[in-house]
Protein backbone atom coordinates (compact mmCIF):
# COMPACT_ATOMS: atom_id res chain seq x y z
CA UNK A 1 70.28 201.93 14.22
CA UNK A 2 71.80 202.32 10.81
CA UNK A 3 74.78 201.44 9.24
CA UNK A 4 77.01 204.53 9.72
CA UNK A 5 76.12 204.64 13.61
CA UNK A 6 77.72 201.44 13.84
CA UNK A 7 81.64 203.38 12.59
CA UNK A 8 82.92 199.99 11.21
CA UNK A 9 81.46 200.20 8.24
CA UNK A 10 81.33 204.22 7.83
CA UNK A 11 84.97 203.46 8.63
CA UNK A 12 85.43 200.91 5.83
CA UNK A 13 83.18 203.71 3.19
CA UNK A 14 85.96 205.73 4.02
CA UNK A 15 89.27 203.97 3.53
CA UNK A 16 88.14 201.37 1.05
CA UNK A 17 89.98 198.42 0.28
CA UNK A 18 92.58 198.84 -2.31
CA UNK A 19 90.94 197.33 -5.66
CA UNK A 20 93.10 196.20 -8.58
CA UNK A 21 94.08 199.66 -10.00
CA UNK A 22 95.49 200.84 -6.69
CA UNK A 23 97.54 197.53 -6.60
CA UNK A 24 98.70 198.01 -10.06
CA UNK A 25 99.72 201.58 -8.85
CA UNK A 26 101.82 200.64 -6.43
CA UNK A 27 103.46 197.62 -8.16
CA UNK A 28 104.35 200.07 -11.37
CA UNK A 29 106.19 202.70 -8.13
CA UNK A 30 107.46 199.36 -7.42
CA UNK A 31 109.30 198.05 -10.17
CA UNK A 32 109.87 201.50 -11.70
CA UNK A 33 112.03 202.30 -8.03
CA UNK A 34 113.81 198.88 -9.06
CA UNK A 35 114.86 200.12 -12.57
CA UNK A 36 116.30 203.53 -11.83
CA UNK A 37 118.57 201.43 -9.23
CA UNK A 38 119.51 199.50 -11.69
CA UNK A 39 120.32 202.23 -13.89
CA UNK A 40 122.24 203.85 -10.86
CA UNK A 41 124.22 200.62 -10.48
CA UNK A 42 125.12 200.67 -14.72
CA UNK A 43 126.28 203.87 -14.32
CA UNK A 44 128.43 203.31 -10.99
CA UNK A 45 129.76 200.44 -12.75
CA UNK A 46 130.38 201.72 -15.85
CA UNK A 47 132.68 204.95 -14.21
CA UNK A 48 134.59 202.40 -11.83
CA UNK A 49 135.35 200.30 -14.92
CA UNK A 50 136.44 203.70 -17.09
CA UNK A 51 138.38 205.09 -14.37
CA UNK A 52 140.14 202.45 -13.20
CA UNK A 53 141.63 202.49 -17.02
CA UNK A 54 141.95 205.93 -16.48
CA UNK A 55 142.30 207.91 -13.32
CA UNK A 56 141.46 210.89 -15.39
CA UNK A 57 137.87 210.19 -15.86
CA UNK A 58 137.06 211.71 -12.71
CA UNK A 59 138.70 215.15 -12.47
CA UNK A 60 136.81 218.24 -12.30
CA UNK A 61 136.97 219.24 -15.99
CA UNK A 62 135.51 215.59 -16.73
CA UNK A 63 132.80 215.82 -14.77
CA UNK A 64 132.15 219.67 -15.70
CA UNK A 65 132.00 217.95 -19.16
CA UNK A 66 130.24 215.28 -18.94
CA UNK A 67 127.22 217.26 -16.84
CA UNK A 68 127.50 219.86 -19.53
CA UNK A 69 126.87 217.27 -22.18
CA UNK A 70 124.42 215.28 -20.65
CA UNK A 71 122.10 218.28 -19.79
CA UNK A 72 120.43 219.20 -23.08
CA UNK A 73 119.61 215.84 -23.84
CA UNK A 74 117.96 215.13 -20.08
CA UNK A 75 115.68 218.07 -20.71
CA UNK A 76 114.73 216.54 -23.96
CA UNK A 77 114.45 213.11 -22.52
CA UNK A 78 111.88 214.37 -19.97
CA UNK A 79 109.62 215.88 -22.50
CA UNK A 80 109.48 212.58 -24.31
CA UNK A 81 108.30 210.89 -21.19
CA UNK A 82 105.29 212.89 -21.03
CA UNK A 83 104.16 211.76 -24.56
CA UNK A 84 105.46 208.59 -24.71
CA UNK A 85 103.99 207.40 -21.30
CA UNK A 86 100.34 208.88 -22.73
CA UNK A 87 101.62 205.48 -25.66
CA UNK A 88 102.85 207.85 -28.54
CA UNK A 89 106.04 209.74 -29.64
CA UNK A 90 107.23 212.66 -31.04
CA UNK A 91 110.11 212.47 -33.27
CA UNK A 92 109.94 216.51 -34.24
CA UNK A 93 112.47 217.49 -31.07
CA UNK A 94 115.49 217.82 -32.65
CA UNK A 95 114.09 219.77 -35.16
CA UNK A 96 112.03 222.04 -32.87
CA UNK A 97 115.45 222.23 -31.16
CA UNK A 98 117.49 223.70 -34.13
CA UNK A 99 114.67 226.08 -35.02
CA UNK A 100 114.78 227.70 -31.38
CA UNK A 101 118.16 227.11 -31.38
CA UNK A 102 118.76 229.36 -34.85
CA UNK A 103 115.95 232.00 -33.74
CA UNK A 104 117.44 232.53 -31.07
CA UNK A 105 120.70 233.36 -32.85
CA UNK A 106 118.72 235.59 -35.06
CA UNK A 107 116.77 237.24 -32.16
CA UNK A 108 120.38 238.57 -30.98
CA UNK A 109 121.81 239.83 -34.16
CA UNK A 110 118.31 241.50 -34.60
CA UNK A 111 118.13 243.46 -31.19
CA UNK A 112 121.74 243.00 -29.56
CA UNK A 113 120.69 243.92 -26.59
CA UNK A 114 117.81 241.95 -26.08
CA UNK A 115 118.23 240.29 -22.18
CA UNK A 116 119.13 236.18 -21.99
CA UNK A 117 115.80 235.80 -19.90
CA UNK A 118 113.69 237.43 -23.08
CA UNK A 119 115.30 235.49 -25.59
CA UNK A 120 114.68 232.52 -22.92
CA UNK A 121 111.27 232.93 -22.51
CA UNK A 122 110.51 234.03 -26.58
CA UNK A 123 112.54 230.15 -27.14
CA UNK A 124 110.29 228.35 -25.15
CA UNK A 125 107.13 230.38 -26.32
CA UNK A 126 108.38 229.93 -29.89
CA UNK A 127 108.51 225.34 -28.96
CA UNK A 128 104.90 225.47 -27.46
CA UNK A 129 104.10 226.74 -30.74
CA UNK A 130 105.51 224.07 -32.34
CA UNK A 131 104.13 221.44 -29.72
CA UNK A 132 100.76 223.25 -30.72
CA UNK A 133 101.00 222.35 -33.96
CA UNK A 134 101.63 218.86 -33.56
CA UNK A 135 98.92 218.16 -30.75
CA UNK A 136 96.77 220.07 -33.17
CA UNK A 137 97.18 217.73 -36.22
CA UNK A 138 97.25 214.91 -33.98
CA UNK A 139 93.69 215.43 -32.19
CA UNK A 140 92.07 216.84 -35.56
CA UNK A 141 93.65 214.45 -38.02
CA UNK A 142 92.99 211.35 -35.74
CA UNK A 143 96.43 210.42 -36.94
CA UNK A 144 99.17 208.25 -35.16
CA UNK A 145 101.38 210.75 -33.43
CA UNK A 146 104.24 209.09 -35.20
CA UNK A 147 103.03 209.96 -38.56
CA UNK A 148 102.31 213.68 -37.82
CA UNK A 149 105.81 213.76 -36.07
CA UNK A 150 107.57 212.37 -38.52
CA UNK A 151 105.90 214.74 -40.87
CA UNK A 152 106.67 218.13 -38.81
CA UNK A 153 110.63 216.87 -38.33
CA UNK A 154 110.79 217.87 -41.94
CA UNK A 155 108.61 220.48 -41.89
CA UNK A 156 110.58 222.49 -39.07
CA UNK A 157 114.00 221.73 -40.24
CA UNK A 158 112.88 222.77 -43.92
CA UNK A 159 111.90 226.12 -42.03
CA UNK A 160 115.04 226.12 -40.42
CA UNK A 161 116.81 225.71 -43.43
CA UNK A 162 115.09 228.40 -45.72
CA UNK A 163 115.76 230.84 -42.70
CA UNK A 164 119.01 229.82 -42.07
CA UNK A 165 119.85 230.68 -46.22
CA UNK A 166 122.83 228.53 -45.70
CA UNK A 167 124.03 231.53 -43.56
CA UNK A 168 126.04 230.63 -39.73
CA UNK A 169 125.59 232.17 -36.87
CA UNK A 170 128.91 233.16 -34.66
CA UNK A 171 129.67 233.29 -31.10
CA UNK A 172 131.02 236.70 -31.72
CA UNK A 173 127.57 237.69 -33.34
CA UNK A 174 125.75 237.06 -29.19
CA UNK A 175 126.01 238.52 -26.04
CA UNK A 176 128.59 237.69 -23.25
CA UNK A 177 126.08 237.10 -20.90
CA UNK A 178 123.80 234.70 -23.07
CA UNK A 179 127.13 232.72 -23.67
CA UNK A 180 128.71 232.54 -20.46
CA UNK A 181 125.25 230.42 -19.29
CA UNK A 182 126.30 227.90 -21.88
CA UNK A 183 129.42 227.36 -19.23
CA UNK A 184 128.56 229.37 -15.72
CA UNK A 185 129.04 226.97 -12.91
CA UNK A 186 127.23 227.38 -9.58
CA UNK A 187 129.62 225.60 -6.85
CA UNK A 188 131.45 223.70 -9.43
CA UNK A 189 128.53 222.30 -11.07
CA UNK A 190 126.94 223.81 -14.59
CA UNK A 191 124.30 226.14 -14.90
CA UNK A 192 123.03 223.75 -17.43
CA UNK A 193 122.87 220.64 -15.53
CA UNK A 194 120.63 222.83 -12.86
CA UNK A 195 118.10 223.69 -15.46
CA UNK A 196 117.90 220.11 -15.84
CA UNK A 197 117.71 219.01 -12.70
CA UNK A 198 114.99 221.97 -11.79
CA UNK A 199 113.00 220.17 -14.97
CA UNK A 200 113.39 216.84 -14.23
CA UNK A 201 112.04 217.28 -10.45
CA UNK A 202 109.15 219.67 -11.95
CA UNK A 203 108.09 216.51 -14.56
CA UNK A 204 108.36 213.88 -12.27
CA UNK A 205 106.68 216.04 -9.40
CA UNK A 206 103.82 216.64 -11.55
CA UNK A 207 103.12 213.39 -12.65
CA UNK A 208 103.04 211.71 -9.14
CA UNK A 209 101.47 214.34 -7.59
CA UNK A 210 99.13 215.81 -9.97
CA UNK A 211 95.31 214.27 -10.74
CA UNK A 212 96.39 215.12 -14.46
CA UNK A 213 99.84 213.60 -14.38
CA UNK A 214 98.41 210.45 -12.82
CA UNK A 215 95.85 210.35 -15.57
CA UNK A 216 98.71 209.96 -18.25
CA UNK A 217 99.36 206.82 -17.07
CA UNK A 218 95.65 205.61 -17.77
CA UNK A 219 95.41 206.95 -21.64
CA UNK A 220 98.76 204.76 -21.79
CA UNK A 221 97.74 201.71 -20.15
CA UNK A 222 94.28 201.99 -22.14
CA UNK A 223 93.72 205.16 -23.72
CA UNK A 224 89.90 203.39 -24.40
CA UNK A 225 88.86 203.15 -20.78
CA UNK A 226 90.47 206.49 -19.68
CA UNK A 227 87.47 208.02 -22.33
CA UNK A 228 84.95 205.98 -20.74
CA UNK A 229 85.90 206.61 -17.12
CA UNK A 230 85.54 210.37 -18.23
CA UNK A 231 89.43 211.36 -18.50
CA UNK A 232 89.75 213.89 -21.59
CA UNK A 233 92.02 211.97 -23.02
CA UNK A 234 92.30 214.70 -26.52
CA UNK A 235 92.54 217.79 -24.25
CA UNK A 236 95.49 215.60 -21.92
CA UNK A 237 96.96 214.16 -24.97
CA UNK A 238 97.32 217.61 -26.78
CA UNK A 239 98.88 219.72 -23.93
CA UNK A 240 101.69 216.92 -23.32
CA UNK A 241 102.72 217.76 -26.68
CA UNK A 242 102.81 220.91 -25.73
CA UNK A 243 105.09 220.72 -23.22
CA UNK A 244 107.39 218.81 -24.64
CA UNK A 245 107.80 221.39 -27.78
CA UNK A 246 107.80 224.54 -24.67
CA UNK A 247 110.95 221.44 -23.41
CA UNK A 248 112.99 221.34 -26.80
CA UNK A 249 112.47 225.43 -27.13
CA UNK A 250 114.19 225.42 -23.77
CA UNK A 251 116.63 222.74 -25.04
CA UNK A 252 117.00 224.60 -28.34
CA UNK A 253 118.10 228.65 -26.48
CA UNK A 254 120.59 226.23 -23.69
CA UNK A 255 121.88 224.82 -26.99
CA UNK A 256 122.29 228.19 -28.46
CA UNK A 257 124.41 229.41 -25.24
CA UNK A 258 126.63 225.76 -24.88
CA UNK A 259 127.47 225.94 -28.05
CA UNK A 260 127.98 229.40 -29.70
CA UNK A 261 127.97 228.32 -33.24
CA UNK A 262 124.97 228.05 -34.97
CA UNK A 263 123.40 226.23 -38.39
CA UNK A 264 120.38 224.80 -39.69
CA UNK A 265 122.11 221.56 -38.70
CA UNK A 266 121.57 221.90 -35.22
CA UNK A 267 120.24 218.99 -33.45
CA UNK A 268 119.76 217.01 -36.57
CA UNK A 269 119.66 213.24 -35.48
CA UNK A 270 119.06 214.20 -32.22
CA UNK A 271 115.57 212.64 -32.09
CA UNK A 272 116.26 208.97 -31.40
CA UNK A 273 118.78 209.60 -29.00
CA UNK A 274 115.85 211.56 -27.19
CA UNK A 275 113.50 208.20 -27.55
CA UNK A 276 116.61 205.80 -26.83
CA UNK A 277 117.38 207.90 -23.70
CA UNK A 278 113.58 207.47 -22.40
CA UNK A 279 113.30 203.61 -23.28
CA UNK A 280 116.52 202.95 -21.45
CA UNK A 281 115.30 205.09 -18.70
CA UNK A 282 112.39 202.67 -18.47
CA UNK A 283 109.64 204.26 -19.98
CA UNK A 284 107.61 201.74 -21.82
CA UNK A 285 107.17 202.79 -25.64
CA UNK A 286 104.07 200.95 -25.29
CA UNK A 287 102.86 203.82 -22.72
CA UNK A 288 101.80 203.89 -19.31
CA UNK A 289 104.68 203.50 -17.32
CA UNK A 290 108.00 205.14 -16.80
CA UNK A 291 109.07 208.22 -15.02
CA UNK A 292 111.01 211.32 -15.37
CA UNK A 293 114.01 210.20 -12.77
CA UNK A 294 114.21 206.82 -14.57
CA UNK A 295 114.21 209.25 -18.67
CA UNK A 296 117.02 211.18 -16.43
CA UNK A 297 119.32 208.87 -15.76
CA UNK A 298 118.76 206.85 -19.30
CA UNK A 299 120.26 210.33 -20.89
CA UNK A 300 123.09 210.32 -18.13
CA UNK A 301 123.85 206.86 -19.02
CA UNK A 302 123.68 207.15 -22.44
CA UNK A 303 126.19 210.31 -22.09
CA UNK A 304 128.38 208.79 -20.04
CA UNK A 305 128.88 205.44 -22.28
CA UNK A 306 129.83 207.90 -25.54
CA UNK A 307 132.31 209.47 -23.02
CA UNK A 308 133.53 206.30 -21.76
CA UNK A 309 134.28 204.82 -25.05
CA UNK A 310 135.98 207.71 -26.09
CA UNK A 311 138.60 207.14 -23.12
CA UNK A 312 139.21 203.80 -23.53
CA UNK A 313 139.20 204.41 -27.85
CA UNK A 314 136.92 202.06 -28.44
CA UNK A 315 135.94 202.17 -32.05
CA UNK A 316 132.28 204.71 -32.00
CA UNK A 317 130.49 201.99 -33.68
CA UNK A 318 130.21 200.29 -30.40
CA UNK A 319 128.62 202.75 -28.94
CA UNK A 320 125.72 202.43 -31.45
CA UNK A 321 126.51 198.84 -30.88
CA UNK A 322 125.72 199.30 -26.75
CA UNK A 323 123.09 201.69 -27.62
CA UNK A 324 120.65 199.33 -29.33
CA UNK A 325 121.39 196.69 -27.29
CA UNK A 326 120.18 198.65 -24.37
CA UNK A 327 117.41 199.75 -26.20
CA UNK A 328 116.48 196.22 -27.41
CA UNK A 329 116.78 195.05 -23.60
CA UNK A 330 114.98 197.45 -21.92
CA UNK A 331 111.80 196.63 -24.36
CA UNK A 332 112.15 193.29 -23.44
CA UNK A 333 112.51 193.51 -20.02
CA UNK A 334 109.12 195.92 -20.07
CA UNK A 335 107.72 193.23 -21.59
CA UNK A 336 108.67 190.87 -19.29
CA UNK A 337 107.65 193.24 -15.87
CA UNK A 338 104.23 193.82 -17.86
CA UNK A 339 103.11 190.24 -17.91
CA UNK A 340 104.74 189.37 -14.32
CA UNK A 341 102.30 192.73 -13.35
CA UNK A 342 99.62 191.27 -15.28
CA UNK A 343 100.04 187.05 -13.66
CA UNK A 344 100.49 189.20 -10.28
CA UNK A 345 97.27 190.92 -10.71
CA UNK A 346 95.27 187.53 -11.13
CA UNK A 347 96.76 185.86 -8.29
CA UNK A 348 95.27 188.45 -6.08
CA UNK A 349 92.19 189.08 -7.63
CA UNK A 350 91.66 185.04 -7.88
CA UNK A 351 92.90 184.87 -4.51
CA UNK A 352 90.73 187.91 -3.09
CA UNK A 353 87.56 186.41 -4.85
């Protein structure tokens, strides 16, 4: 009788015992859940303290303004998560947003009858083209993404300034149907925030449920090992930069609808807030760990901090200090959790041996 005829060995072959990789994924998922829960608790505590000091903080209009204020940052932070998970970073997202926002205004000036869904698709496409430039340069030049995207940050902004030539596009130059998109609500929830939720759900589902999404974590954990295991590292990294550019393009169109008044300075400095939101949300700056949900919560938390300090009439300097402290705490916590995870894995491997 062969081994497979006995049943037990065959079943063991079909369901092999969990190895270090599977155990590590389970530990990572539990740690991410803890991080996201802690962010929710911190957000709830912040809202509670602010409401006690000023009960108007939870008024309908205040909540709407808060959701509108964080929607664009949530989209950008989720896109940045895709990049950071692979042990890269994209510093050009603010410039891409500004370029797409101004291009959207120019489109409506040149063709006033353009339907807003067409403008949305064209904006996403322009953002994706910028992502192709970033991903292509990184793949061809084999230069760290930090250096490449720092260069394209200035390059895209320079194109924006050259195109604008000191001009400003006002809300009167854009269709009312498009501008309504920036303030319209569905059952009291701003449309912009609903779009952000769709982006979060889509990216979160992709990272968790698709093999190519899970491979991004392998690339961030150890690029050389991922390459040896057959993962197309170059193509995956290129794809995440394109996706991040497309989401920045989406954010640029929504920015134009939200604010109406556009110039070449739109989105300046936003890239630092985006990286901060992702890191505070539990996306490890060293790659290999993080989730779209955590990044979204980080964006909401940072936006709420800004609103809370304004309501409490606290100097804006303290907002920057608090955000800086949160970033340092998040990086320190990531390092601590990584060391504890490594120790637990070593302990389990020794026990299994």
